[in-house]
Protein backbone atom coordinates (compact mmCIF):
# COMPACT_ATOMS: atom_id res chain seq x y z
CA MET A 1 20.97 6.29 27.61
CA ASN A 2 23.91 7.01 29.32
CA ARG A 3 26.36 10.01 28.23
CA ARG A 4 29.06 7.66 27.72
CA LYS A 5 26.90 5.85 25.22
CA LEU A 6 25.52 8.74 23.47
CA LEU A 7 29.05 9.75 22.88
CA SER A 8 30.38 6.80 21.11
CA LEU A 9 27.28 6.70 19.21
CA LEU A 10 27.61 10.80 17.97
CA GLY A 11 31.18 9.83 17.51
CA ILE A 12 30.31 6.66 14.90
CA THR A 13 28.07 8.93 13.36
CA ALA A 14 29.97 11.70 12.76
CA LEU A 15 32.68 9.21 10.93
CA ILE A 16 29.70 7.67 9.03
CA GLY A 17 28.86 10.99 8.24
CA SER A 18 31.98 12.23 6.94
CA THR A 19 32.61 8.50 4.99
CA GLY A 20 28.96 8.74 3.89
CA ALA A 21 28.67 12.13 2.46
CA ALA A 22 31.77 11.32 -0.11
CA PHE A 23 30.05 8.18 -0.62
CA ALA A 24 26.42 10.33 -1.10
CA ALA A 25 28.31 12.75 -3.47
CA PHE A 26 29.53 9.92 -5.87
CA ALA A 27 26.14 8.14 -5.74
CA ARG A 28 24.68 11.51 -6.72
CA SER A 29 26.56 12.89 -9.22
CA ARG A 30 23.69 12.13 -11.45
CA ASN A 31 19.78 11.92 -10.29
CA PRO A 32 18.34 8.66 -11.12
CA TYR A 33 15.03 9.87 -11.29
CA TYR A 34 14.71 12.97 -13.54
CA GLN A 35 17.39 14.72 -16.04
CA GLY A 36 16.18 17.80 -16.90
CA PRO A 37 16.98 21.75 -17.52
CA VAL A 38 18.59 23.59 -14.77
CA SER A 39 15.23 26.09 -13.13
CA ASP A 40 15.13 28.24 -10.25
CA HIS A 41 14.53 25.11 -8.29
CA PHE A 42 16.49 22.72 -10.06
CA ASP A 43 19.99 22.71 -10.10
CA GLY A 44 21.54 19.99 -12.10
CA LEU A 45 20.71 17.38 -9.50
CA LEU A 46 18.49 18.18 -6.52
CA PHE A 47 15.43 20.12 -6.25
CA SER A 48 14.92 22.94 -4.24
CA ASP A 49 12.17 25.38 -2.82
CA GLY A 50 14.15 28.50 -1.72
CA ARG A 51 15.04 27.04 1.82
CA PRO A 52 18.21 26.38 3.10
CA VAL A 53 18.43 22.47 4.25
CA THR A 54 18.87 22.62 8.29
CA LYS A 55 18.89 19.30 8.99
CA GLY A 56 20.49 15.82 8.44
CA LEU A 57 21.76 12.95 9.57
CA ARG A 58 23.26 14.25 13.15
CA ASP A 59 19.51 15.64 13.16
CA VAL A 60 17.80 12.58 13.55
CA LEU A 61 19.63 10.75 15.87
CA ARG A 62 19.99 13.81 18.14
CA TRP A 63 15.86 13.31 18.04
CA GLN A 64 15.78 9.64 18.01
CA THR A 65 18.91 9.73 21.04
CA SER A 66 17.24 12.75 23.56
CA LYS A 67 15.18 12.19 26.35
CA ARG A 68 12.21 13.40 25.11
CA GLU A 69 8.40 13.00 25.52
CA ARG A 70 6.33 10.75 23.13
CA GLU A 71 3.11 9.91 23.73
CA ALA A 72 2.67 6.43 21.81
CA PHE A 73 -0.24 5.97 19.70
CA PRO A 74 -3.01 3.28 20.66
CA LYS A 75 -3.00 0.09 18.56
CA HIS A 76 -5.92 0.59 17.28
CA TYR A 77 -8.09 3.89 17.25
CA PRO A 78 -11.76 3.72 16.04
CA ALA A 79 -13.24 6.33 12.59
CA PRO A 80 -16.44 6.82 10.99
CA PRO A 81 -17.83 4.16 9.29
CA GLN A 82 -16.29 3.63 6.06
CA ASP A 83 -17.67 5.66 3.32
CA LYS A 84 -19.14 3.68 0.10
CA PRO A 85 -18.82 6.29 -2.46
CA PRO A 86 -21.46 6.69 -4.95
CA GLU A 87 -20.37 5.84 -8.92
CA ARG A 88 -20.18 9.51 -10.11
CA VAL A 89 -21.01 12.91 -9.04
CA GLU A 90 -22.06 15.63 -10.79
CA GLY A 91 -21.02 18.54 -8.08
CA LEU A 92 -18.37 17.79 -5.68
CA ARG A 93 -17.74 15.88 -2.84
CA ILE A 94 -14.32 14.55 -1.12
CA VAL A 95 -13.56 11.25 1.55
CA HIS A 96 -10.86 11.22 3.59
CA LEU A 97 -9.48 7.96 3.34
CA GLY A 98 -7.20 8.29 6.39
CA HIS A 99 -3.91 10.06 6.70
CA ALA A 100 -2.97 12.18 3.69
CA SER A 101 -5.24 10.27 1.07
CA PHE A 102 -8.36 11.26 -0.60
CA LEU A 103 -10.80 10.72 -2.91
CA TYR A 104 -12.25 13.93 -5.06
CA GLN A 105 -15.52 13.43 -6.91
CA MET A 106 -16.07 16.69 -9.18
CA ALA A 107 -17.77 17.20 -12.79
CA GLY A 108 -18.14 13.51 -13.01
CA LEU A 109 -14.57 12.94 -12.68
CA ASN A 110 -12.97 10.55 -9.64
CA VAL A 111 -9.83 11.35 -8.38
CA LEU A 112 -7.39 9.92 -5.92
CA VAL A 113 -4.92 12.20 -4.07
CA ASP A 114 -1.77 10.22 -2.45
CA PRO A 115 -3.61 6.86 -2.23
CA VAL A 116 -2.10 4.38 0.62
CA TYR A 117 -3.82 1.43 1.25
CA ALA A 118 -0.65 -0.21 3.06
CA GLU A 119 -0.50 -1.42 6.35
CA ARG A 120 3.04 0.48 7.02
CA ALA A 121 4.23 3.31 5.81
CA SER A 122 7.46 2.25 5.25
CA PRO A 123 9.26 0.70 2.82
CA PHE A 124 9.21 -2.38 4.86
CA SER A 125 6.53 -4.44 5.59
CA PHE A 126 7.38 -5.87 8.95
CA ILE A 127 8.46 -2.68 10.70
CA GLY A 128 7.72 1.18 10.36
CA PRO A 129 4.73 3.20 11.25
CA ARG A 130 1.46 0.86 11.16
CA ARG A 131 -1.68 1.99 10.21
CA VAL A 132 -4.18 2.37 13.33
CA ASN A 133 -7.45 2.46 11.44
CA ALA A 134 -8.76 0.94 8.06
CA PRO A 135 -8.77 3.03 5.26
CA GLY A 136 -12.44 5.54 5.05
CA VAL A 137 -12.85 3.51 1.88
CA ALA A 138 -12.32 -0.17 1.07
CA PHE A 139 -10.36 -0.66 -1.93
CA GLU A 140 -13.20 -2.43 -3.50
CA ASP A 141 -15.61 -0.11 -2.93
CA LEU A 142 -13.59 2.37 -4.48
CA PRO A 143 -15.62 3.42 -7.96
CA LYS A 144 -13.45 3.55 -11.38
CA ILE A 145 -10.60 5.87 -10.64
CA ASP A 146 -10.27 8.38 -13.55
CA VAL A 147 -6.90 10.17 -12.25
CA VAL A 148 -4.24 9.76 -9.50
CA LEU A 149 -2.44 12.37 -7.67
CA VAL A 150 0.83 12.33 -6.35
CA THR A 151 2.06 14.99 -4.11
CA HIS A 152 5.79 13.76 -3.21
CA ASN A 153 7.74 10.47 -2.71
CA HIS A 154 8.06 10.11 0.67
CA TYR A 155 6.12 6.36 1.88
CA ASP A 156 3.24 8.12 3.57
CA HIS A 157 2.29 9.38 0.45
CA LEU A 158 3.59 7.57 -2.41
CA ASP A 159 2.39 3.81 -1.80
CA LEU A 160 3.52 1.27 -4.84
CA ALA A 161 1.62 -1.49 -4.33
CA THR A 162 -1.33 0.59 -4.32
CA LEU A 163 -0.64 2.57 -7.30
CA GLU A 164 0.02 -0.47 -9.18
CA ALA A 165 -3.84 -2.16 -8.11
CA LEU A 166 -5.28 0.81 -9.09
CA HIS A 167 -3.32 0.47 -12.49
CA ARG A 168 -4.39 -3.76 -12.92
CA ARG A 169 -8.10 -2.94 -11.95
CA ASP A 170 -9.01 0.47 -13.75
CA GLN A 171 -5.27 1.99 -15.74
CA PRO A 172 -5.81 5.86 -14.31
CA ARG A 173 -4.15 8.86 -15.49
CA MET A 174 -1.51 9.38 -12.69
CA ILE A 175 0.18 12.69 -12.01
CA MET A 176 3.07 14.08 -10.47
CA PRO A 177 5.96 16.47 -9.88
CA LEU A 178 8.99 15.79 -11.98
CA GLY A 179 11.11 12.24 -11.19
CA ASN A 180 8.23 10.64 -9.39
CA ASP A 181 7.23 8.62 -12.46
CA THR A 182 10.59 6.99 -12.93
CA ILE A 183 9.94 5.98 -9.24
CA ILE A 184 6.79 4.36 -10.68
CA ARG A 185 7.65 3.39 -13.81
CA ALA A 186 9.97 0.93 -12.23
CA ARG A 187 7.52 -0.62 -10.09
CA ASN A 188 5.04 -1.19 -13.74
CA PRO A 189 6.49 0.17 -16.86
CA ALA A 190 2.88 0.05 -18.16
CA ILE A 191 1.18 2.49 -15.35
CA ARG A 192 0.30 5.39 -16.91
CA ALA A 193 2.63 7.74 -15.15
CA GLU A 194 3.27 11.69 -15.94
CA ALA A 195 5.20 14.29 -14.53
CA HIS A 196 4.86 17.97 -14.42
CA ASP A 197 6.23 20.85 -13.34
CA TRP A 198 5.76 23.74 -10.61
CA SER A 199 2.80 26.23 -12.52
CA ASP A 200 2.16 23.63 -15.27
CA ARG A 201 -1.66 23.82 -15.85
CA VAL A 202 -3.04 20.27 -16.62
CA ALA A 203 -6.53 19.71 -17.61
CA LEU A 204 -8.34 16.50 -16.34
CA SER A 205 -11.36 16.51 -18.23
CA ASP A 206 -13.21 19.42 -20.07
CA ASP A 207 -14.36 20.55 -16.67
CA VAL A 208 -11.49 20.13 -14.28
CA ALA A 209 -7.89 21.29 -14.16
CA ILE A 210 -5.43 21.22 -11.82
CA THR A 211 -2.02 23.41 -11.44
CA LEU A 212 1.26 22.60 -9.32
CA VAL A 213 2.18 24.42 -7.41
CA PRO A 214 5.60 25.05 -4.71
CA THR A 215 5.56 23.92 -1.25
CA TYR A 216 7.88 23.53 1.64
CA HIS A 217 8.78 20.30 1.59
CA TRP A 218 11.21 17.79 0.16
CA SER A 219 11.44 14.12 -1.53
CA ALA A 220 13.39 10.92 -0.75
CA ARG A 221 12.71 7.26 -0.71
CA GLY A 222 15.95 6.35 0.45
CA ALA A 223 19.13 7.60 2.02
CA LEU A 224 20.96 9.22 -0.87
CA ASP A 225 18.28 10.67 -2.84
CA ARG A 226 17.26 13.53 -0.88
CA ARG A 227 15.64 16.15 -2.69
CA MET A 228 15.94 14.51 -6.41
CA ALA A 229 12.58 14.50 -7.47
CA LEU A 230 9.84 17.24 -6.91
CA TRP A 231 7.55 17.87 -4.62
CA THR A 232 4.51 19.82 -5.01
CA SER A 233 0.77 21.03 -3.79
CA PHE A 234 -2.31 21.20 -6.40
CA VAL A 235 -4.58 23.96 -7.03
CA ILE A 236 -7.38 22.09 -8.66
CA GLU A 237 -10.53 23.88 -10.48
CA THR A 238 -13.93 22.21 -10.58
CA PRO A 239 -16.85 23.83 -11.98
CA ALA A 240 -18.48 23.83 -8.43
CA ALA A 241 -15.77 25.21 -6.57
CA LYS A 242 -11.50 26.09 -6.44
CA LEU A 243 -9.72 23.71 -3.99
CA PHE A 244 -6.23 23.96 -2.55
CA HIS A 245 -4.58 20.67 -1.78
CA ILE A 246 -1.41 20.18 0.38
CA GLY A 247 0.06 16.68 0.69
CA ASP A 248 2.81 18.01 3.39
CA SER A 249 4.29 21.14 3.92
CA GLY A 250 5.97 23.54 6.11
CA TYR A 251 5.29 26.91 7.25
CA HIS A 252 8.53 28.86 6.80
CA ASP A 253 7.62 32.96 7.29
CA GLY A 254 4.05 32.29 5.47
CA SER A 255 5.48 33.85 2.56
CA LEU A 256 4.85 31.60 -0.22
CA TYR A 257 1.25 30.94 0.94
CA GLU A 258 0.56 34.42 0.90
CA ARG A 259 2.02 34.80 -3.04
CA LEU A 260 -0.26 31.21 -3.99
CA GLY A 261 -3.32 33.01 -2.16
CA ALA A 262 -3.11 36.06 -4.22
CA GLU A 263 -2.37 34.25 -7.74
CA HIS A 264 -4.70 31.50 -7.42
CA GLY A 265 -7.28 32.73 -4.78
CA PRO A 266 -9.76 33.20 -3.20
CA PHE A 267 -10.57 29.30 -2.65
CA ARG A 268 -13.81 27.52 -1.80
CA LEU A 269 -11.61 24.82 0.54
CA ALA A 270 -8.39 24.27 1.76
CA VAL A 271 -7.15 20.74 2.11
CA LEU A 272 -3.76 21.10 4.59
CA PRO A 273 -1.99 18.73 6.96
CA ILE A 274 -2.37 19.63 10.30
CA GLY A 275 -0.48 16.48 11.93
CA ALA A 276 3.18 14.88 12.22
CA TYR A 277 4.35 18.39 13.78
CA GLU A 278 6.07 17.36 17.30
CA PRO A 279 9.35 18.08 18.07
CA ARG A 280 8.81 21.48 16.65
CA TRP A 281 12.57 21.90 16.73
CA PHE A 282 13.11 18.97 14.04
CA MET A 283 10.13 18.80 12.39
CA GLY A 284 9.13 22.78 11.89
CA ASP A 285 10.46 23.24 8.74
CA ASN A 286 8.81 20.50 6.52
CA HIS A 287 5.44 19.91 8.86
CA MET A 288 2.99 22.56 10.03
CA ASN A 289 1.47 22.76 13.35
CA PRO A 290 -2.50 23.25 13.07
CA GLU A 291 -2.00 27.06 14.37
CA GLU A 292 0.43 27.27 11.20
CA ALA A 293 -2.36 25.31 9.55
CA VAL A 294 -4.77 28.02 10.33
CA LYS A 295 -2.53 31.18 9.09
CA VAL A 296 -2.24 29.08 5.69
CA MET A 297 -5.57 28.99 5.42
CA LEU A 298 -6.59 32.42 5.85
CA ALA A 299 -3.26 33.40 3.76
CA LEU A 300 -4.51 31.54 0.90
CA ARG A 301 -7.68 32.98 1.21
CA ALA A 302 -9.67 29.97 1.86
CA GLU A 303 -13.51 30.00 3.49
CA ALA A 304 -12.84 27.01 4.87
CA ALA A 305 -10.42 24.06 5.58
CA LEU A 306 -10.13 20.28 5.90
CA GLY A 307 -7.26 18.70 8.21
CA HIS A 308 -5.28 15.70 7.38
CA HIS A 309 -2.17 13.63 7.90
CA TRP A 310 -3.23 12.52 11.53
CA GLY A 311 -4.50 9.53 12.90
CA THR A 312 -3.56 6.58 10.95
CA PHE A 313 0.48 6.77 11.68
CA GLN A 314 2.57 7.85 13.78
CA LEU A 315 5.62 9.59 12.19
CA THR A 316 6.14 12.10 15.25
CA ASP A 317 6.12 12.59 19.04
CA GLU A 318 2.37 14.01 19.39
CA GLY A 319 0.06 12.10 20.72
CA ILE A 320 -3.03 10.92 18.28
CA GLU A 321 -5.57 13.67 19.34
CA ARG A 322 -3.17 16.65 20.02
CA PRO A 323 -3.92 17.67 16.45
CA PRO A 324 -7.55 18.41 16.60
CA GLU A 325 -7.44 19.97 20.17
CA ALA A 326 -4.59 22.14 18.79
CA LEU A 327 -6.65 23.00 15.90
CA LYS A 328 -9.30 23.68 17.95
CA LEU A 329 -7.78 26.09 20.45
CA ALA A 330 -5.65 27.84 17.14
CA LEU A 331 -9.04 29.02 15.72
CA ALA A 332 -10.46 30.16 19.13
CA GLU A 333 -7.46 32.23 19.32
CA ALA A 334 -7.78 33.39 15.91
CA GLY A 335 -11.84 34.24 16.38
CA LEU A 336 -12.88 31.53 14.24
CA PRO A 337 -15.45 29.50 14.39
CA ALA A 338 -14.35 25.52 14.73
CA GLU A 339 -16.56 24.86 11.61
CA ARG A 340 -14.51 26.40 9.12
CA PHE A 341 -11.74 24.16 9.63
CA ARG A 342 -12.82 20.30 10.01
CA PRO A 343 -10.23 18.19 11.47
CA MET A 344 -10.92 14.46 8.97
CA GLN A 345 -11.20 11.01 10.17
CA PRO A 346 -11.11 8.40 7.72
CA GLY A 347 -15.07 7.81 6.25
CA LEU A 348 -16.09 11.60 6.85
CA SER A 349 -16.56 13.37 3.86
CA TRP A 350 -17.16 17.49 2.53
CA GLU A 351 -19.77 17.92 -0.28
CA VAL A 352 -20.89 20.72 -2.24
């Protein structure tokens, strides 16, 4: 793009931004997802994780229009064979379905986290990041699902079509942070969606419980609903192990994970994102890179970690194999064995 065209685009963007801000303020005078009391992370309209909001539309356009190195994903990226999980597991078994989707089988309970079976991580079926490998477990091979956990409402984590299909098949309980239940029930009012706040502890069975905890991220389904639904990580308690699951998060200064490690740790396992992190100037606020993920594992006092959020949908600029390569290097530089932090692919499993 030449300089004149770029300046013209930025001028139009500034005009749209100024009028758009006024329209957004009008449109957001009432949160359509959640109405509740003001708290330390909800001001009556928007949610916050305590950090200033530093990126907006201009930054998106700067990223998309700047000369940059983007390593395109292949059309197909082979993954291990699809897993066929048992009906129930009395101990603990975790299988990666792809990107940020997991099946947890624990103490006789079957729990899906951020299940996405869509071909695209997008509000549209014809455009947006396309899946480059099949889900690690075919939908028809999923055991009966008891509970679905949703971390936040971005399209690569909250797939309404998948949630509705699970409801039709199994009627599972669906647990998520504040405001996300409204989005899901707008699709199908019969879905058993329930919303909870940070620090809420929720029993899933007599033996398994979760606690919603803060994470450095944000939410949106469209242009005018940024931060109107809450986002979360999960502490998962089982008889076999205590786990920490992050769907998406930046690193910031790491203090949040030092605190959560002190409050809830140590953990047998942390499930952490390691992809969608370039360019750092734009993605760093909300997506950790592999080096930061290693620091989070240590801050949480986790014995081991599984890396996800890579290798299925291209959301950012790094190539498909860069996250596991960077993770291997980060572990070596930290003096840690490679087997302590395993980059997952669809169909791979981990069990106690």
